[in-house]
Each structure stands twice: as C-alpha cells, then as structure tokens.
Amino acid sequence: MAVTESAKAPLNTLRMATGRIIDTGTVASTFPVDVELGFTPRYVRVINLAASSAQMEWFEGMSDANAWKTTVDGTASLITSLGITPTATGFTIGLDTDVIVTSEQVAWMALG
C-alpha cells in the first residue's frame, strides 16, 4: 500500500478572522458575498446559526466553489458549485440554499 501525504509548514503567525452575515432581503440577489480579510485563507467554515444549522467547510487545495457540506441530519457531501472560493484577499461564499437562507444568520471563520 502506498501513502501520499502533503502538509504545509505552519506560518509564523496565525491569521484568523470571524464574522456574521444576515440577509433580510432576497438572498439570491445578494449572494455570492465577497468577504475581505486582507489575506488568503487556508481554511474557511460557514455555518447557518438558525434551526437548519447546515454548514460548509473549504480546505486549502480544494477547487473553487467547492466545500464539504453537512446538513442538520448529519449528511455530509462534497458540493462542487455554490460553495466557497478563496481570493487573494479573502473568500467568496456561494449561494448554497441549505446554508444560505433568507433572514437567517450565518457565521464564518477563516484561518490563513
């Protein structure tokens, strides 16, 4: 059996940012949302804080607009569109309708 592993050396300083978004209008008109951090994240987590509590996570090396999504019933799946996309100065949150719901608050955390 062959094992392939890759790791990145830790950064001298951890860059971490957190925030919340609530959309009281029609989410389809305001998403995707660009979040400006001032750094490129290596990990992003977005979670719906309402009853649905669906969440998505993006790890460095994943493709743009992808994420691991977990729904309230515990089902996890890889989504390949409407997920999270890193940028040079932050990330974009796509309009996955399990996570992004009109008038429900989402929290995010980014590490770089």
C-alpha atoms as a PDB file:
ATOM      1  CA  MET A   1       0.000   0.000   0.000  1.00  0.00           C
ATOM      2  CA  ALA A   2       1.317   3.453  -0.915  1.00  0.00           C
ATOM      3  CA  VAL A   3       0.526   6.527   1.130  1.00  0.00           C
ATOM      4  CA  THR A   4       0.681  10.014  -0.305  1.00  0.00           C
ATOM      5  CA  GLU A   5       0.772  12.859   2.157  1.00  0.00           C
ATOM      6  CA  SER A   6       1.174  16.581   1.846  1.00  0.00           C
ATOM      7  CA  ALA A   7       1.487  19.203   4.531  1.00  0.00           C
ATOM      8  CA  LYS A   8       2.286  22.874   4.666  1.00  0.00           C
ATOM      9  CA  ALA A   9       4.661  24.276   7.228  1.00  0.00           C
ATOM     10  CA  PRO A  10       2.959  26.361   9.899  1.00  0.00           C
ATOM     11  CA  LEU A  11       3.017  30.088   9.398  1.00  0.00           C
ATOM     12  CA  ASN A  12       4.972  32.219  11.860  1.00  0.00           C
ATOM     13  CA  THR A  13       1.737  33.942  12.771  1.00  0.00           C
ATOM     14  CA  LEU A  14      -1.779  32.611  12.635  1.00  0.00           C
ATOM     15  CA  ARG A  15      -4.198  34.831  10.801  1.00  0.00           C
ATOM     16  CA  MET A  16      -7.765  34.297  11.912  1.00  0.00           C
ATOM     17  CA  ALA A  17     -10.924  36.236  11.199  1.00  0.00           C
ATOM     18  CA  THR A  18     -14.559  35.696  12.143  1.00  0.00           C
ATOM     19  CA  GLY A  19     -17.799  37.379  11.182  1.00  0.00           C
ATOM     20  CA  ARG A  20     -21.530  37.091  10.657  1.00  0.00           C
ATOM     21  CA  ILE A  21     -23.871  37.816   7.797  1.00  0.00           C
ATOM     22  CA  ILE A  22     -27.633  38.206   7.887  1.00  0.00           C
ATOM     23  CA  ASP A  23     -29.650  38.894   4.781  1.00  0.00           C
ATOM     24  CA  THR A  24     -33.139  40.252   5.349  1.00  0.00           C
ATOM     25  CA  GLY A  25     -33.912  40.644   1.671  1.00  0.00           C
ATOM     26  CA  THR A  26     -33.849  38.091  -1.091  1.00  0.00           C
ATOM     27  CA  VAL A  27     -30.614  36.135  -0.736  1.00  0.00           C
ATOM     28  CA  ALA A  28     -30.479  35.286  -4.421  1.00  0.00           C
ATOM     29  CA  SER A  29     -29.962  38.982  -5.160  1.00  0.00           C
ATOM     30  CA  THR A  30     -27.073  39.498  -2.716  1.00  0.00           C
ATOM     31  CA  PHE A  31     -25.096  36.252  -2.956  1.00  0.00           C
ATOM     32  CA  PRO A  32     -22.378  35.339  -3.690  1.00  0.00           C
ATOM     33  CA  VAL A  33     -20.820  37.516  -0.965  1.00  0.00           C
ATOM     34  CA  ASP A  34     -17.185  38.591  -1.061  1.00  0.00           C
ATOM     35  CA  VAL A  35     -15.560  38.657   2.392  1.00  0.00           C
ATOM     36  CA  GLU A  36     -12.431  40.806   2.593  1.00  0.00           C
ATOM     37  CA  LEU A  37      -9.818  39.604   5.097  1.00  0.00           C
ATOM     38  CA  GLY A  38      -6.524  41.068   3.921  1.00  0.00           C
ATOM     39  CA  PHE A  39      -5.089  37.549   3.493  1.00  0.00           C
ATOM     40  CA  THR A  40      -5.736  34.359   1.534  1.00  0.00           C
ATOM     41  CA  PRO A  41      -7.375  31.769   3.796  1.00  0.00           C
ATOM     42  CA  ARG A  42      -6.185  28.183   4.112  1.00  0.00           C
ATOM     43  CA  TYR A  43      -9.438  27.089   5.799  1.00  0.00           C
ATOM     44  CA  VAL A  44     -12.961  28.567   5.813  1.00  0.00           C
ATOM     45  CA  ARG A  45     -16.054  27.414   7.702  1.00  0.00           C
ATOM     46  CA  VAL A  46     -19.533  28.873   7.185  1.00  0.00           C
ATOM     47  CA  ILE A  47     -22.426  27.766   9.410  1.00  0.00           C
ATOM     48  CA  ASN A  48     -26.097  28.705   9.470  1.00  0.00           C
ATOM     49  CA  LEU A  49     -26.967  29.713  13.043  1.00  0.00           C
ATOM     50  CA  ALA A  50     -30.707  29.075  12.668  1.00  0.00           C
ATOM     51  CA  ALA A  51     -32.613  25.826  13.020  1.00  0.00           C
ATOM     52  CA  SER A  52     -31.226  24.403   9.781  1.00  0.00           C
ATOM     53  CA  SER A  53     -27.661  24.625  11.175  1.00  0.00           C
ATOM     54  CA  ALA A  54     -26.252  23.463   7.839  1.00  0.00           C
ATOM     55  CA  GLN A  55     -22.588  24.246   7.318  1.00  0.00           C
ATOM     56  CA  MET A  56     -19.851  24.099   4.729  1.00  0.00           C
ATOM     57  CA  GLU A  57     -16.085  23.908   5.015  1.00  0.00           C
ATOM     58  CA  TRP A  58     -13.367  24.625   2.483  1.00  0.00           C
ATOM     59  CA  PHE A  59      -9.775  23.426   2.900  1.00  0.00           C
ATOM     60  CA  GLU A  60      -6.724  24.707   1.030  1.00  0.00           C
ATOM     61  CA  GLY A  61      -6.247  22.632  -2.104  1.00  0.00           C
ATOM     62  CA  MET A  62      -9.957  22.182  -2.807  1.00  0.00           C
ATOM     63  CA  SER A  63     -11.293  23.601  -6.059  1.00  0.00           C
ATOM     64  CA  ASP A  64     -13.060  26.936  -6.246  1.00  0.00           C
ATOM     65  CA  ALA A  65     -16.777  26.896  -5.338  1.00  0.00           C
ATOM     66  CA  ASN A  66     -16.362  23.526  -3.618  1.00  0.00           C
ATOM     67  CA  ALA A  67     -16.997  22.696   0.042  1.00  0.00           C
ATOM     68  CA  TRP A  68     -17.812  19.841   2.381  1.00  0.00           C
ATOM     69  CA  LYS A  69     -21.419  20.446   3.337  1.00  0.00           C
ATOM     70  CA  THR A  70     -23.068  18.937   6.399  1.00  0.00           C
ATOM     71  CA  THR A  71     -26.829  19.237   6.859  1.00  0.00           C
ATOM     72  CA  VAL A  72     -28.812  19.145  10.104  1.00  0.00           C
ATOM     73  CA  ASP A  73     -29.381  15.381   9.815  1.00  0.00           C
ATOM     74  CA  GLY A  74     -25.618  14.807   9.700  1.00  0.00           C
ATOM     75  CA  THR A  75     -25.398  14.015   5.996  1.00  0.00           C
ATOM     76  CA  ALA A  76     -22.045  15.163   4.619  1.00  0.00           C
ATOM     77  CA  SER A  77     -21.312  15.618   0.942  1.00  0.00           C
ATOM     78  CA  LEU A  78     -18.873  17.344  -1.356  1.00  0.00           C
ATOM     79  CA  ILE A  79     -20.511  20.164  -3.275  1.00  0.00           C
ATOM     80  CA  THR A  80     -18.839  21.315  -6.472  1.00  0.00           C
ATOM     81  CA  SER A  81     -20.702  24.567  -7.044  1.00  0.00           C
ATOM     82  CA  LEU A  82     -22.090  27.385  -4.896  1.00  0.00           C
ATOM     83  CA  GLY A  83     -19.542  26.653  -2.169  1.00  0.00           C
ATOM     84  CA  ILE A  84     -16.507  28.657  -1.008  1.00  0.00           C
ATOM     85  CA  THR A  85     -13.872  30.250  -3.238  1.00  0.00           C
ATOM     86  CA  PRO A  86     -10.660  31.746  -1.836  1.00  0.00           C
ATOM     87  CA  THR A  87      -9.370  35.032  -3.226  1.00  0.00           C
ATOM     88  CA  ALA A  88      -6.086  36.873  -2.821  1.00  0.00           C
ATOM     89  CA  THR A  89      -7.589  38.963  -0.023  1.00  0.00           C
ATOM     90  CA  GLY A  90     -10.407  36.823   1.370  1.00  0.00           C
ATOM     91  CA  PHE A  91     -13.074  34.457   0.093  1.00  0.00           C
ATOM     92  CA  THR A  92     -16.455  34.275  -1.602  1.00  0.00           C
ATOM     93  CA  ILE A  93     -19.484  32.484  -0.143  1.00  0.00           C
ATOM     94  CA  GLY A  94     -21.717  30.948  -2.800  1.00  0.00           C
ATOM     95  CA  LEU A  95     -25.492  30.616  -2.633  1.00  0.00           C
ATOM     96  CA  ASP A  96     -25.921  27.081  -1.334  1.00  0.00           C
ATOM     97  CA  THR A  97     -29.574  27.185  -0.251  1.00  0.00           C
ATOM     98  CA  ASP A  98     -29.126  24.729   2.632  1.00  0.00           C
ATOM     99  CA  VAL A  99     -26.640  27.073   4.298  1.00  0.00           C
ATOM    100  CA  ILE A 100     -27.721  30.486   2.996  1.00  0.00           C
ATOM    101  CA  VAL A 101     -31.384  31.137   3.806  1.00  0.00           C
ATOM    102  CA  THR A 102     -33.309  34.427   3.717  1.00  0.00           C
ATOM    103  CA  SER A 103     -33.443  36.128   7.139  1.00  0.00           C
ATOM    104  CA  GLU A 104     -31.186  33.531   8.782  1.00  0.00           C
ATOM    105  CA  GLN A 105     -27.791  34.464  10.162  1.00  0.00           C
ATOM    106  CA  VAL A 106     -24.606  32.721   9.131  1.00  0.00           C
ATOM    107  CA  ALA A 107     -21.281  32.869  10.939  1.00  0.00           C
ATOM    108  CA  TRP A 108     -17.930  32.328   9.288  1.00  0.00           C
ATOM    109  CA  MET A 109     -14.384  31.655  10.392  1.00  0.00           C
ATOM    110  CA  ALA A 110     -11.275  31.875   8.228  1.00  0.00           C
ATOM    111  CA  LEU A 111      -7.717  30.820   9.028  1.00  0.00           C
ATOM    112  CA  GLY A 112      -4.691  31.742   6.996  1.00  0.00           C
END
